[in-house]
Amino acid sequence: ETCGSGNYDLIQRRIDTDSFAKYYVLNEYFKSLDFAYSSTYFFYKDGKFYAGPVWDYDLSSGNVSGDKYFFYNMEEDLVNTGKTGTTGLFSVQCWYSLLCKNRLFRDDIRNAFEKYSPDMKKIYEPDGGIDACLSLYGSLYERNYAPVSDGGAGWVVSKDYSGLQRTPDQTFTENVEYLRTWLSNRFKWLETIIPTARFDSEVHYGHVAH
């Protein structure tokens, strides 16, 4: 009722709109399959609802089976082209389908996106977050795929263990580069859409109305 009231003063009294806007941007960027379905958390403190903490992003960033989750990989023409689903506003769901009808909350989303854009780009850019993780934990990642007899976990990098994820590439490096490219393309698409998107009921998985 509050989210759909259109009264932004009331909304801000009951909801921490700053955390809600940031939570939206985070989930939209990574395009989490579970958002608003499972592993989506909010908490109540001092008379307000806050968004977060974030959790469970294994099925995100294009790591989603196109056969099982057909809609995830839809592109702008609402056709599953077999691509990796870097387009489409995906998180205008649940409370957000009501909040996003409010122009002031849409402005909060735009402001959050602008504020955190440098951080989002740093994840995939050279010497950014992905490369930092590889530098710090690369040897641990390698142990995941080393034989048990050699002290590793014995995993197979190209095996789909869940039936929910995309079919992995053959090597660890190829999968890392897939993630890097996906995040780059996702950000570039959002960068063109967020400034003018209405985020309303005409926004679908692979199409955005302006």
Protein backbone atom coordinates (compact mmCIF):
# COMPACT_ATOMS: atom_id res chain seq x y z
CA GLU A 1 0.00 0.00 0.00
CA THR A 2 2.78 2.43 0.92
CA CYS A 3 4.87 1.57 -2.15
CA GLY A 4 1.97 2.24 -4.49
CA SER A 5 0.60 5.28 -2.69
CA GLY A 6 2.35 7.85 -4.88
CA ASN A 7 3.05 9.84 -1.70
CA TYR A 8 6.84 10.06 -1.57
CA ASP A 9 6.91 11.69 1.83
CA LEU A 10 5.00 8.70 3.21
CA ILE A 11 7.23 6.27 1.30
CA GLN A 12 10.36 7.87 2.72
CA ARG A 13 8.97 7.74 6.25
CA ARG A 14 8.46 4.00 6.00
CA ILE A 15 11.15 2.90 3.56
CA ASP A 16 14.83 3.76 3.35
CA THR A 17 14.68 4.75 -0.30
CA ASP A 18 18.45 5.15 -0.54
CA SER A 19 19.08 1.47 0.27
CA PHE A 20 16.17 0.41 -1.93
CA ALA A 21 17.57 2.34 -4.89
CA LYS A 22 21.06 0.92 -4.40
CA TYR A 23 19.64 -2.60 -4.05
CA TYR A 24 17.77 -2.17 -7.30
CA VAL A 25 20.87 -0.99 -9.17
CA LEU A 26 22.94 -3.87 -7.80
CA ASN A 27 20.43 -6.51 -8.82
CA GLU A 28 19.78 -4.92 -12.20
CA TYR A 29 23.48 -4.77 -12.99
CA PHE A 30 24.13 -8.40 -12.11
CA LYS A 31 20.69 -9.43 -13.38
CA SER A 32 20.10 -11.86 -10.54
CA LEU A 33 17.68 -14.61 -11.52
CA ASP A 34 16.55 -15.03 -7.90
CA PHE A 35 15.64 -11.37 -7.32
CA ALA A 36 12.11 -11.02 -5.88
CA TYR A 37 11.74 -14.80 -6.01
CA SER A 38 14.19 -16.13 -3.43
CA SER A 39 17.32 -14.96 -1.62
CA THR A 40 15.92 -11.41 -1.60
CA TYR A 41 16.20 -9.81 1.82
CA PHE A 42 14.90 -6.74 3.62
CA PHE A 43 15.08 -5.77 7.27
CA TYR A 44 13.15 -3.50 9.61
CA LYS A 45 14.93 -1.04 11.90
CA ASP A 46 13.79 2.04 13.81
CA GLY A 47 10.44 2.16 12.04
CA LYS A 48 11.78 1.76 8.47
CA PHE A 49 12.30 -1.02 5.96
CA TYR A 50 15.78 -1.33 4.49
CA ALA A 51 16.85 -3.31 1.44
CA GLY A 52 19.52 -5.95 1.91
CA PRO A 53 21.73 -7.67 2.76
CA VAL A 54 22.66 -9.02 -0.65
CA TRP A 55 22.89 -12.77 -1.05
CA ASP A 56 23.12 -15.64 -3.51
CA TYR A 57 24.37 -14.49 -6.91
CA ASP A 58 25.40 -17.79 -8.45
CA LEU A 59 22.55 -17.53 -10.97
CA SER A 60 23.36 -14.06 -12.22
CA SER A 61 25.66 -12.26 -14.65
CA GLY A 62 24.56 -14.46 -17.53
CA ASN A 63 25.27 -17.74 -15.70
CA VAL A 64 21.74 -18.99 -16.36
CA SER A 65 20.45 -21.85 -18.49
CA GLY A 66 18.76 -20.47 -21.57
CA ASP A 67 16.76 -23.66 -21.96
CA LYS A 68 15.40 -23.77 -18.41
CA TYR A 69 14.96 -20.02 -17.96
CA PHE A 70 13.92 -18.97 -21.43
CA PHE A 71 12.91 -15.44 -20.43
CA TYR A 72 16.31 -14.62 -18.92
CA ASN A 73 18.03 -14.65 -22.28
CA MET A 74 15.43 -12.65 -24.15
CA GLU A 75 16.80 -9.70 -26.03
CA GLU A 76 15.16 -6.42 -26.95
CA ASP A 77 12.81 -7.96 -29.48
CA LEU A 78 11.43 -10.31 -26.79
CA VAL A 79 12.89 -13.28 -28.62
CA ASN A 80 15.29 -15.72 -27.04
CA THR A 81 18.11 -15.42 -29.54
CA GLY A 82 20.47 -17.70 -27.68
CA LYS A 83 22.45 -14.68 -26.55
CA THR A 84 23.47 -14.09 -22.97
CA GLY A 85 20.73 -11.77 -21.77
CA THR A 86 22.77 -8.61 -21.25
CA THR A 87 19.76 -6.47 -22.22
CA GLY A 88 16.44 -6.00 -20.51
CA LEU A 89 15.34 -4.46 -17.21
CA PHE A 90 14.87 -7.50 -15.03
CA SER A 91 14.34 -6.23 -11.48
CA VAL A 92 11.16 -4.15 -11.74
CA GLN A 93 9.38 -6.78 -9.67
CA CYS A 94 7.67 -7.16 -6.30
CA TRP A 95 7.66 -3.86 -4.37
CA TYR A 96 9.77 -2.31 -7.09
CA SER A 97 6.97 -2.60 -9.63
CA LEU A 98 5.08 -0.11 -7.44
CA LEU A 99 7.98 2.07 -6.33
CA CYS A 100 9.18 2.54 -9.89
CA LYS A 101 5.90 4.20 -10.82
CA ASN A 102 7.05 7.14 -8.70
CA ARG A 103 9.17 9.70 -10.53
CA LEU A 104 11.12 10.59 -7.40
CA PHE A 105 12.12 7.00 -6.79
CA ARG A 106 13.14 6.66 -10.44
CA ASP A 107 15.35 9.69 -9.85
CA ASP A 108 16.85 7.92 -6.83
CA ILE A 109 17.66 4.93 -9.07
CA ARG A 110 19.29 7.17 -11.66
CA ASN A 111 21.33 8.94 -8.98
CA ALA A 112 22.46 5.62 -7.48
CA PHE A 113 23.40 4.29 -10.90
CA GLU A 114 25.44 7.41 -11.67
CA LYS A 115 27.14 7.32 -8.26
CA TYR A 116 28.17 3.67 -8.47
CA SER A 117 28.91 3.51 -12.19
CA PRO A 118 32.68 3.86 -11.65
CA ASP A 119 32.60 0.95 -9.19
CA MET A 120 30.61 -1.22 -11.58
CA LYS A 121 33.09 -0.58 -14.38
CA LYS A 122 36.04 -1.29 -12.10
CA ILE A 123 34.82 -4.84 -11.63
CA TYR A 124 35.50 -5.87 -15.23
CA GLU A 125 38.11 -3.37 -16.39
CA PRO A 126 41.81 -4.32 -16.50
CA ASP A 127 43.36 -4.38 -13.01
CA GLY A 128 39.86 -4.15 -11.54
CA GLY A 129 37.89 -6.40 -9.24
CA ILE A 130 38.07 -9.56 -11.33
CA ASP A 131 41.83 -9.24 -11.80
CA ALA A 132 42.32 -8.47 -8.11
CA CYS A 133 40.47 -11.66 -7.17
CA LEU A 134 42.55 -13.68 -9.62
CA SER A 135 45.74 -12.23 -8.18
CA LEU A 136 44.76 -12.91 -4.57
CA TYR A 137 42.94 -16.22 -4.91
CA GLY A 138 44.03 -17.66 -8.25
CA SER A 139 45.89 -20.56 -6.67
CA LEU A 140 42.81 -21.47 -4.63
CA TYR A 141 40.62 -21.42 -7.72
CA GLU A 142 43.10 -23.76 -9.43
CA ARG A 143 42.83 -26.22 -6.54
CA ASN A 144 39.09 -26.53 -7.18
CA TYR A 145 39.89 -28.16 -10.52
CA ALA A 146 43.00 -30.09 -9.54
CA PRO A 147 42.68 -33.86 -9.03
CA VAL A 148 41.91 -35.05 -5.52
CA SER A 149 45.10 -37.06 -5.65
CA ASP A 150 47.00 -33.78 -6.00
CA GLY A 151 45.20 -32.12 -3.09
CA GLY A 152 42.49 -30.51 -5.20
CA ALA A 153 38.70 -30.71 -5.08
CA GLY A 154 38.50 -32.66 -8.31
CA TRP A 155 35.86 -30.49 -9.93
CA VAL A 156 35.51 -30.37 -13.72
CA VAL A 157 35.47 -26.79 -14.96
CA SER A 158 33.31 -27.55 -18.01
CA LYS A 159 30.67 -29.57 -16.14
CA ASP A 160 27.20 -28.21 -15.37
CA TYR A 161 26.66 -29.34 -11.80
CA SER A 162 23.22 -27.84 -11.17
CA GLY A 163 21.27 -27.99 -14.43
CA LEU A 164 20.36 -24.35 -13.78
CA GLN A 165 23.48 -22.60 -15.02
CA ARG A 166 24.69 -21.95 -18.54
CA THR A 167 26.87 -24.63 -20.08
CA PRO A 168 30.39 -23.68 -18.94
CA ASP A 169 33.27 -23.10 -21.30
CA GLN A 170 36.07 -25.65 -21.44
CA THR A 171 38.67 -23.72 -19.45
CA PHE A 172 38.71 -21.56 -16.34
CA THR A 173 40.17 -18.63 -18.29
CA GLU A 174 37.40 -18.79 -20.88
CA ASN A 175 34.77 -18.66 -18.15
CA VAL A 176 36.45 -15.69 -16.50
CA GLU A 177 36.51 -13.84 -19.81
CA TYR A 178 32.86 -14.69 -20.38
CA LEU A 179 32.03 -13.03 -17.05
CA ARG A 180 34.18 -10.00 -17.82
CA THR A 181 32.58 -9.52 -21.24
CA TRP A 182 29.06 -10.08 -19.92
CA LEU A 183 29.45 -7.44 -17.20
CA SER A 184 30.95 -4.98 -19.65
CA ASN A 185 28.11 -5.42 -22.15
CA ARG A 186 25.49 -5.31 -19.39
CA PHE A 187 26.84 -2.04 -18.03
CA LYS A 188 27.04 -0.44 -21.47
CA TRP A 189 23.40 -1.36 -22.15
CA LEU A 190 22.20 -0.05 -18.79
CA GLU A 191 24.19 3.13 -19.27
CA THR A 192 22.12 3.92 -22.35
CA ILE A 193 18.77 2.93 -20.79
CA ILE A 194 18.74 4.07 -17.15
CA PRO A 195 18.79 7.85 -17.84
CA THR A 196 15.44 7.79 -19.70
CA ALA A 197 13.69 4.55 -18.69
CA ARG A 198 10.24 4.80 -17.10
CA PHE A 199 10.60 1.48 -15.27
CA ASP A 200 6.83 1.07 -15.54
CA SER A 201 4.50 -1.76 -16.46
CA GLU A 202 5.63 -1.51 -20.08
CA VAL A 203 9.09 -2.64 -19.08
CA HIS A 204 9.58 -6.31 -19.85
CA TYR A 205 12.43 -8.73 -19.51
CA GLY A 206 13.98 -7.78 -22.82
CA HIS A 207 12.31 -4.52 -23.77
CA VAL A 208 12.15 -1.09 -22.22
CA ALA A 209 9.65 1.61 -23.04
CA HIS A 210 10.93 5.16 -23.18
